[in-house]
Amino acid sequence: MSFILSLETAFQEKSNPENAFAMAKYMRNHFTFFGIKTEQRRQIFKDIWKENQVEVEKNPREIALKLFSKTERELQYCAIEILIKQLEGNYKKDDILLIEKLLITNSWWDSVDTIAKNILGEYLLEYPLETEKVIGRLSNSENMWLNRSAILFQLGYKGKTNFDLLKSECEKHKNSNEFFIQKAIGWALREYGKTYPVAVRSFVASTDLKNLSKKEALKNIH
């Protein structure tokens, strides 16, 4: 695909080994980078997308999957951004298969959190009747990143948040020793607390959460 080739070429031309080393270190060397910082990456991406707009709009899912399978993390970020922009309001019911595939591929907090909030969360707003089934499957998985996604998908829902479901997920995973699960519980509660602080404070007070989860949940609630 000309879009992917053009994007890879442009990123390679702008690669910065010093930045790439620092970025990989920040991500605990789980990924390699071209070394292009966010603002520049997004501008290059925007320009290449504009030049190949028809191709991208016709094949967003296929292009995203191919980009996500690439080695460099910047290309994986672009895959996520394509899906966020192209699928909003246009999800298909079976897109959940694509979403779950992305969540368990090249998984780390930066990709998983963005997908959980901006793709999984949006998908379930369009298909609310799928929520119980999908979140049940993710929550019961042995994959920690799917568990985290089940906790975080309502980030940004505010008044639309199903607090009973959020509480259920927090209760279910409250004894996890995984840092990323404890942190997710606190983060999800803290976000909901921006809308309903009393409800969150009451839940935290009555629930035996890990200290990290409690600390994160109550960070902005006085």
C-alpha atoms as a PDB file:
ATOM      1  CA  MET A   1       0.000   0.000   0.000  1.00  0.00           C
ATOM      2  CA  SER A   2       1.395   3.363  -1.017  1.00  0.00           C
ATOM      3  CA  PHE A   3       0.237   5.031   2.207  1.00  0.00           C
ATOM      4  CA  ILE A   4       2.179   2.647   4.429  1.00  0.00           C
ATOM      5  CA  LEU A   5       5.280   2.771   2.239  1.00  0.00           C
ATOM      6  CA  SER A   6       5.199   6.573   2.116  1.00  0.00           C
ATOM      7  CA  LEU A   7       4.732   6.789   5.873  1.00  0.00           C
ATOM      8  CA  GLU A   8       7.591   4.397   6.609  1.00  0.00           C
ATOM      9  CA  THR A   9       9.863   6.262   4.220  1.00  0.00           C
ATOM     10  CA  ALA A  10       9.032   9.641   5.732  1.00  0.00           C
ATOM     11  CA  PHE A  11       9.581   8.365   9.269  1.00  0.00           C
ATOM     12  CA  GLN A  12      12.865   6.777   8.297  1.00  0.00           C
ATOM     13  CA  GLU A  13      14.070  10.059   6.795  1.00  0.00           C
ATOM     14  CA  LYS A  14      13.234  11.888  10.019  1.00  0.00           C
ATOM     15  CA  SER A  15      14.562   9.222  12.358  1.00  0.00           C
ATOM     16  CA  ASN A  16      16.666  10.344  15.300  1.00  0.00           C
ATOM     17  CA  PRO A  17      18.809   7.617  16.917  1.00  0.00           C
ATOM     18  CA  GLU A  18      19.375   9.617  20.095  1.00  0.00           C
ATOM     19  CA  ASN A  19      15.659  10.153  20.605  1.00  0.00           C
ATOM     20  CA  ALA A  20      14.971   6.550  19.631  1.00  0.00           C
ATOM     21  CA  PHE A  21      17.287   5.288  22.363  1.00  0.00           C
ATOM     22  CA  ALA A  22      15.650   7.474  25.004  1.00  0.00           C
ATOM     23  CA  MET A  23      12.126   6.564  23.893  1.00  0.00           C
ATOM     24  CA  ALA A  24      12.883   2.849  23.933  1.00  0.00           C
ATOM     25  CA  LYS A  25      14.407   3.160  27.391  1.00  0.00           C
ATOM     26  CA  TYR A  26      11.286   4.949  28.650  1.00  0.00           C
ATOM     27  CA  MET A  27       9.227   2.014  27.391  1.00  0.00           C
ATOM     28  CA  ARG A  28      11.578  -0.395  29.170  1.00  0.00           C
ATOM     29  CA  ASN A  29      12.991  -1.487  25.803  1.00  0.00           C
ATOM     30  CA  HIS A  30       9.838  -3.353  24.850  1.00  0.00           C
ATOM     31  CA  PHE A  31       9.759  -1.530  21.495  1.00  0.00           C
ATOM     32  CA  THR A  32      11.994   0.115  18.940  1.00  0.00           C
ATOM     33  CA  PHE A  33      11.413   3.661  17.715  1.00  0.00           C
ATOM     34  CA  PHE A  34      12.324   5.896  14.827  1.00  0.00           C
ATOM     35  CA  GLY A  35      12.880   8.552  17.466  1.00  0.00           C
ATOM     36  CA  ILE A  36      10.244  11.002  16.206  1.00  0.00           C
ATOM     37  CA  LYS A  37       8.531  13.037  18.895  1.00  0.00           C
ATOM     38  CA  THR A  38       4.755  13.239  19.035  1.00  0.00           C
ATOM     39  CA  GLU A  39       4.156  16.643  17.445  1.00  0.00           C
ATOM     40  CA  GLN A  40       6.450  15.966  14.491  1.00  0.00           C
ATOM     41  CA  ARG A  41       5.128  12.423  14.082  1.00  0.00           C
ATOM     42  CA  ARG A  42       1.552  13.649  13.900  1.00  0.00           C
ATOM     43  CA  GLN A  43       2.403  16.327  11.357  1.00  0.00           C
ATOM     44  CA  ILE A  44       4.175  13.842   9.089  1.00  0.00           C
ATOM     45  CA  PHE A  45       1.303  11.410   9.532  1.00  0.00           C
ATOM     46  CA  LYS A  46      -1.249  14.114   8.701  1.00  0.00           C
ATOM     47  CA  ASP A  47       0.604  15.113   5.526  1.00  0.00           C
ATOM     48  CA  ILE A  48       0.998  11.536   4.270  1.00  0.00           C
ATOM     49  CA  TRP A  49      -2.626  10.766   5.109  1.00  0.00           C
ATOM     50  CA  LYS A  50      -3.782  13.793   3.135  1.00  0.00           C
ATOM     51  CA  GLU A  51      -1.817  12.589   0.112  1.00  0.00           C
ATOM     52  CA  ASN A  52      -3.393   9.117   0.390  1.00  0.00           C
ATOM     53  CA  GLN A  53      -6.801  10.037   1.777  1.00  0.00           C
ATOM     54  CA  VAL A  54      -8.898   7.838  -0.519  1.00  0.00           C
ATOM     55  CA  GLU A  55      -6.793   4.752   0.188  1.00  0.00           C
ATOM     56  CA  VAL A  56      -6.942   5.221   3.949  1.00  0.00           C
ATOM     57  CA  GLU A  57     -10.675   5.910   4.036  1.00  0.00           C
ATOM     58  CA  LYS A  58     -11.412   2.815   1.951  1.00  0.00           C
ATOM     59  CA  ASN A  59      -9.179   0.451   3.956  1.00  0.00           C
ATOM     60  CA  PRO A  60      -8.760   1.755   7.528  1.00  0.00           C
ATOM     61  CA  ARG A  61      -8.929  -1.633   9.232  1.00  0.00           C
ATOM     62  CA  GLU A  62      -6.537  -3.390   6.860  1.00  0.00           C
ATOM     63  CA  ILE A  63      -4.065  -0.505   6.959  1.00  0.00           C
ATOM     64  CA  ALA A  64      -4.230  -0.288  10.749  1.00  0.00           C
ATOM     65  CA  LEU A  65      -3.555  -4.011  11.157  1.00  0.00           C
ATOM     66  CA  LYS A  66      -0.546  -3.830   8.856  1.00  0.00           C
ATOM     67  CA  LEU A  67       0.834  -0.785  10.637  1.00  0.00           C
ATOM     68  CA  PHE A  68       0.302  -2.401  14.018  1.00  0.00           C
ATOM     69  CA  SER A  69       2.361  -5.399  12.960  1.00  0.00           C
ATOM     70  CA  LYS A  70       5.347  -3.173  12.149  1.00  0.00           C
ATOM     71  CA  THR A  71       8.341  -3.030  14.443  1.00  0.00           C
ATOM     72  CA  GLU A  72       8.574   0.680  15.163  1.00  0.00           C
ATOM     73  CA  ARG A  73       6.203   2.013  17.810  1.00  0.00           C
ATOM     74  CA  GLU A  74       5.414   5.219  15.919  1.00  0.00           C
ATOM     75  CA  LEU A  75       3.737   3.173  13.170  1.00  0.00           C
ATOM     76  CA  GLN A  76       1.638   1.386  15.776  1.00  0.00           C
ATOM     77  CA  TYR A  77       0.541   4.754  17.169  1.00  0.00           C
ATOM     78  CA  CYS A  78      -0.541   5.761  13.668  1.00  0.00           C
ATOM     79  CA  ALA A  79      -2.595   2.575  13.352  1.00  0.00           C
ATOM     80  CA  ILE A  80      -4.507   3.463  16.496  1.00  0.00           C
ATOM     81  CA  GLU A  81      -5.084   7.047  15.365  1.00  0.00           C
ATOM     82  CA  ILE A  82      -6.464   5.891  12.011  1.00  0.00           C
ATOM     83  CA  LEU A  83      -9.027   3.681  13.717  1.00  0.00           C
ATOM     84  CA  ILE A  84     -10.029   6.369  16.208  1.00  0.00           C
ATOM     85  CA  LYS A  85     -10.702   8.848  13.408  1.00  0.00           C
ATOM     86  CA  GLN A  86     -12.127   6.548  10.748  1.00  0.00           C
ATOM     87  CA  LEU A  87     -14.337   4.250  12.793  1.00  0.00           C
ATOM     88  CA  GLU A  88     -16.048   6.790  15.041  1.00  0.00           C
ATOM     89  CA  GLY A  89     -19.749   6.482  14.333  1.00  0.00           C
ATOM     90  CA  ASN A  90     -18.989   3.759  11.765  1.00  0.00           C
ATOM     91  CA  TYR A  91     -18.183   0.677  13.807  1.00  0.00           C
ATOM     92  CA  LYS A  92     -19.306  -2.737  12.627  1.00  0.00           C
ATOM     93  CA  LYS A  93     -20.431  -5.267  15.170  1.00  0.00           C
ATOM     94  CA  ASP A  94     -17.578  -7.637  14.406  1.00  0.00           C
ATOM     95  CA  ASP A  95     -15.005  -4.868  14.923  1.00  0.00           C
ATOM     96  CA  ILE A  96     -14.715  -6.189  18.459  1.00  0.00           C
ATOM     97  CA  LEU A  97     -12.518  -8.944  17.003  1.00  0.00           C
ATOM     98  CA  LEU A  98     -10.144  -6.335  15.623  1.00  0.00           C
ATOM     99  CA  ILE A  99     -10.189  -4.391  18.877  1.00  0.00           C
ATOM    100  CA  GLU A 100      -9.346  -7.424  20.991  1.00  0.00           C
ATOM    101  CA  LYS A 101      -6.572  -8.382  18.599  1.00  0.00           C
ATOM    102  CA  LEU A 102      -4.993  -4.934  18.963  1.00  0.00           C
ATOM    103  CA  LEU A 103      -5.290  -5.066  22.746  1.00  0.00           C
ATOM    104  CA  ILE A 104      -3.249  -8.269  22.956  1.00  0.00           C
ATOM    105  CA  THR A 105      -0.711  -7.362  20.256  1.00  0.00           C
ATOM    106  CA  ASN A 106       2.410  -5.382  21.161  1.00  0.00           C
ATOM    107  CA  SER A 107       0.685  -4.666  24.461  1.00  0.00           C
ATOM    108  CA  TRP A 108       1.862  -1.972  26.840  1.00  0.00           C
ATOM    109  CA  TRP A 109       0.097   0.771  28.759  1.00  0.00           C
ATOM    110  CA  ASP A 110       0.483   3.411  26.031  1.00  0.00           C
ATOM    111  CA  SER A 111      -1.356   1.431  23.360  1.00  0.00           C
ATOM    112  CA  VAL A 112      -3.787  -0.459  25.590  1.00  0.00           C
ATOM    113  CA  ASP A 113      -5.035   2.625  27.425  1.00  0.00           C
ATOM    114  CA  THR A 114      -5.631   4.557  24.213  1.00  0.00           C
ATOM    115  CA  ILE A 115      -7.437   1.638  22.588  1.00  0.00           C
ATOM    116  CA  ALA A 116      -9.500   0.899  25.698  1.00  0.00           C
ATOM    117  CA  LYS A 117     -10.763   4.457  26.056  1.00  0.00           C
ATOM    118  CA  ASN A 118     -10.979   5.704  22.478  1.00  0.00           C
ATOM    119  CA  ILE A 119     -11.801   2.560  20.497  1.00  0.00           C
ATOM    120  CA  LEU A 120     -13.295  -0.081  22.809  1.00  0.00           C
ATOM    121  CA  GLY A 121     -15.158   2.600  24.754  1.00  0.00           C
ATOM    122  CA  GLU A 122     -16.545   4.179  21.587  1.00  0.00           C
ATOM    123  CA  TYR A 123     -17.464   0.800  20.108  1.00  0.00           C
ATOM    124  CA  LEU A 124     -19.524  -0.072  23.192  1.00  0.00           C
ATOM    125  CA  LEU A 125     -21.288   3.282  23.081  1.00  0.00           C
ATOM    126  CA  GLU A 126     -22.407   2.333  19.575  1.00  0.00           C
ATOM    127  CA  TYR A 127     -23.260  -1.248  20.594  1.00  0.00           C
ATOM    128  CA  PRO A 128     -24.355  -0.945  24.229  1.00  0.00           C
ATOM    129  CA  LEU A 129     -26.129  -4.302  24.189  1.00  0.00           C
ATOM    130  CA  GLU A 130     -22.725  -5.942  23.619  1.00  0.00           C
ATOM    131  CA  THR A 131     -21.234  -4.447  26.775  1.00  0.00           C
ATOM    132  CA  GLU A 132     -22.070  -7.206  29.235  1.00  0.00           C
ATOM    133  CA  LYS A 133     -20.807  -9.947  26.929  1.00  0.00           C
ATOM    134  CA  VAL A 134     -17.660  -8.160  25.792  1.00  0.00           C
ATOM    135  CA  ILE A 135     -16.600  -6.862  29.192  1.00  0.00           C
ATOM    136  CA  GLY A 136     -17.354 -10.225  30.761  1.00  0.00           C
ATOM    137  CA  ARG A 137     -15.029 -11.903  28.270  1.00  0.00           C
ATOM    138  CA  LEU A 138     -12.247  -9.370  28.737  1.00  0.00           C
ATOM    139  CA  SER A 139     -12.596  -9.347  32.499  1.00  0.00           C
ATOM    140  CA  ASN A 140     -12.444 -13.145  32.733  1.00  0.00           C
ATOM    141  CA  SER A 141      -9.437 -13.439  30.448  1.00  0.00           C
ATOM    142  CA  GLU A 142      -6.044 -14.549  31.710  1.00  0.00           C
ATOM    143  CA  ASN A 143      -4.574 -11.648  29.751  1.00  0.00           C
ATOM    144  CA  MET A 144      -3.875  -8.803  32.163  1.00  0.00           C
ATOM    145  CA  TRP A 145      -4.205  -6.145  29.448  1.00  0.00           C
ATOM    146  CA  LEU A 146      -7.716  -7.311  28.613  1.00  0.00           C
ATOM    147  CA  ASN A 147      -8.570  -7.141  32.314  1.00  0.00           C
ATOM    148  CA  ARG A 148      -7.198  -3.590  32.435  1.00  0.00           C
ATOM    149  CA  SER A 149      -9.260  -2.649  29.389  1.00  0.00           C
ATOM    150  CA  ALA A 150     -12.436  -3.940  31.041  1.00  0.00           C
ATOM    151  CA  ILE A 151     -11.761  -1.584  33.940  1.00  0.00           C
ATOM    152  CA  LEU A 152     -10.783   1.443  31.855  1.00  0.00           C
ATOM    153  CA  PHE A 153     -13.119   1.406  28.863  1.00  0.00           C
ATOM    154  CA  GLN A 154     -15.537   3.891  30.462  1.00  0.00           C
ATOM    155  CA  LEU A 155     -12.898   6.596  30.888  1.00  0.00           C
ATOM    156  CA  GLY A 156     -14.507   9.754  29.561  1.00  0.00           C
ATOM    157  CA  TYR A 157     -18.067   8.433  29.862  1.00  0.00           C
ATOM    158  CA  LYS A 158     -18.722  10.809  32.797  1.00  0.00           C
ATOM    159  CA  GLY A 159     -22.480  10.781  33.433  1.00  0.00           C
ATOM    160  CA  LYS A 160     -22.930   7.870  31.012  1.00  0.00           C
ATOM    161  CA  THR A 161     -20.770   5.636  33.191  1.00  0.00           C
ATOM    162  CA  ASN A 162     -22.343   2.404  34.363  1.00  0.00           C
ATOM    163  CA  PHE A 163     -21.089   2.742  37.928  1.00  0.00           C
ATOM    164  CA  ASP A 164     -22.474  -0.634  38.960  1.00  0.00           C
ATOM    165  CA  LEU A 165     -20.361  -2.254  36.253  1.00  0.00           C
ATOM    166  CA  LEU A 166     -17.313  -0.216  37.234  1.00  0.00           C
ATOM    167  CA  LYS A 167     -17.732  -1.194  40.878  1.00  0.00           C
ATOM    168  CA  SER A 168     -18.143  -4.825  39.865  1.00  0.00           C
ATOM    169  CA  GLU A 169     -14.887  -4.746  37.890  1.00  0.00           C
ATOM    170  CA  CYS A 170     -13.059  -3.074  40.762  1.00  0.00           C
ATOM    171  CA  GLU A 171     -14.372  -5.649  43.225  1.00  0.00           C
ATOM    172  CA  LYS A 172     -13.461  -8.479  40.913  1.00  0.00           C
ATOM    173  CA  HIS A 173      -9.848  -7.425  40.459  1.00  0.00           C
ATOM    174  CA  LYS A 174      -9.199  -5.631  43.760  1.00  0.00           C
ATOM    175  CA  ASN A 175      -6.887  -8.359  45.079  1.00  0.00           C
ATOM    176  CA  SER A 176      -4.671  -8.414  42.005  1.00  0.00           C
ATOM    177  CA  ASN A 177      -0.993  -7.879  42.680  1.00  0.00           C
ATOM    178  CA  GLU A 178      -0.491  -6.511  39.174  1.00  0.00           C
ATOM    179  CA  PHE A 179       0.620  -2.883  39.293  1.00  0.00           C
ATOM    180  CA  PHE A 180      -1.263  -2.094  36.082  1.00  0.00           C
ATOM    181  CA  ILE A 181      -4.511  -3.502  37.479  1.00  0.00           C
ATOM    182  CA  GLN A 182      -4.240  -1.681  40.804  1.00  0.00           C
ATOM    183  CA  LYS A 183      -3.453   1.535  38.966  1.00  0.00           C
ATOM    184  CA  ALA A 184      -6.354   1.032  36.536  1.00  0.00           C
ATOM    185  CA  ILE A 185      -8.849   0.611  39.364  1.00  0.00           C
ATOM    186  CA  GLY A 186      -7.696   3.848  40.959  1.00  0.00           C
ATOM    187  CA  TRP A 187      -7.646   5.731  37.669  1.00  0.00           C
ATOM    188  CA  ALA A 188     -11.123   4.628  36.626  1.00  0.00           C
ATOM    189  CA  LEU A 189     -12.573   5.587  40.014  1.00  0.00           C
ATOM    190  CA  ARG A 190     -10.742   8.917  40.031  1.00  0.00           C
ATOM    191  CA  GLU A 191     -12.178   9.802  36.622  1.00  0.00           C
ATOM    192  CA  TYR A 192     -15.697   8.937  37.706  1.00  0.00           C
ATOM    193  CA  GLY A 193     -15.066  10.888  40.878  1.00  0.00           C
ATOM    194  CA  LYS A 194     -14.719  14.060  38.824  1.00  0.00           C
ATOM    195  CA  THR A 195     -18.443  13.730  38.119  1.00  0.00           C
ATOM    196  CA  TYR A 196     -19.659  11.964  41.275  1.00  0.00           C
ATOM    197  CA  PRO A 197     -17.049  12.377  44.032  1.00  0.00           C
ATOM    198  CA  VAL A 198     -19.357  11.348  46.871  1.00  0.00           C
ATOM    199  CA  ALA A 199     -20.175   8.033  45.204  1.00  0.00           C
ATOM    200  CA  VAL A 200     -16.506   7.239  44.675  1.00  0.00           C
ATOM    201  CA  ARG A 201     -15.504   8.245  48.180  1.00  0.00           C
ATOM    202  CA  SER A 202     -18.260   6.044  49.606  1.00  0.00           C
ATOM    203  CA  PHE A 203     -17.255   3.062  47.454  1.00  0.00           C
ATOM    204  CA  VAL A 204     -13.581   3.359  48.376  1.00  0.00           C
ATOM    205  CA  ALA A 205     -14.448   3.637  52.070  1.00  0.00           C
ATOM    206  CA  SER A 206     -16.546   0.476  51.964  1.00  0.00           C
ATOM    207  CA  THR A 207     -14.278  -1.621  49.737  1.00  0.00           C
ATOM    208  CA  ASP A 208     -11.037  -3.338  50.678  1.00  0.00           C
ATOM    209  CA  LEU A 209      -8.950  -1.991  47.802  1.00  0.00           C
ATOM    210  CA  LYS A 210      -5.180  -2.156  47.538  1.00  0.00           C
ATOM    211  CA  ASN A 211      -3.444   0.939  48.850  1.00  0.00           C
ATOM    212  CA  LEU A 212      -2.323   2.044  45.386  1.00  0.00           C
ATOM    213  CA  SER A 213      -5.887   1.821  44.075  1.00  0.00           C
ATOM    214  CA  LYS A 214      -7.206   3.829  47.025  1.00  0.00           C
ATOM    215  CA  LYS A 215      -4.524   6.472  46.669  1.00  0.00           C
ATOM    216  CA  GLU A 216      -5.176   6.905  42.966  1.00  0.00           C
ATOM    217  CA  ALA A 217      -8.952   6.923  43.382  1.00  0.00           C
ATOM    218  CA  LEU A 218      -8.965   9.652  46.022  1.00  0.00           C
ATOM    219  CA  LYS A 219      -6.142  11.767  44.600  1.00  0.00           C
ATOM    220  CA  ASN A 220      -8.411  14.647  43.578  1.00  0.00           C
ATOM    221  CA  ILE A 221     -11.278  14.085  46.017  1.00  0.00           C
ATOM    222  CA  HIS A 222     -11.171  16.134  49.198  1.00  0.00           C
END
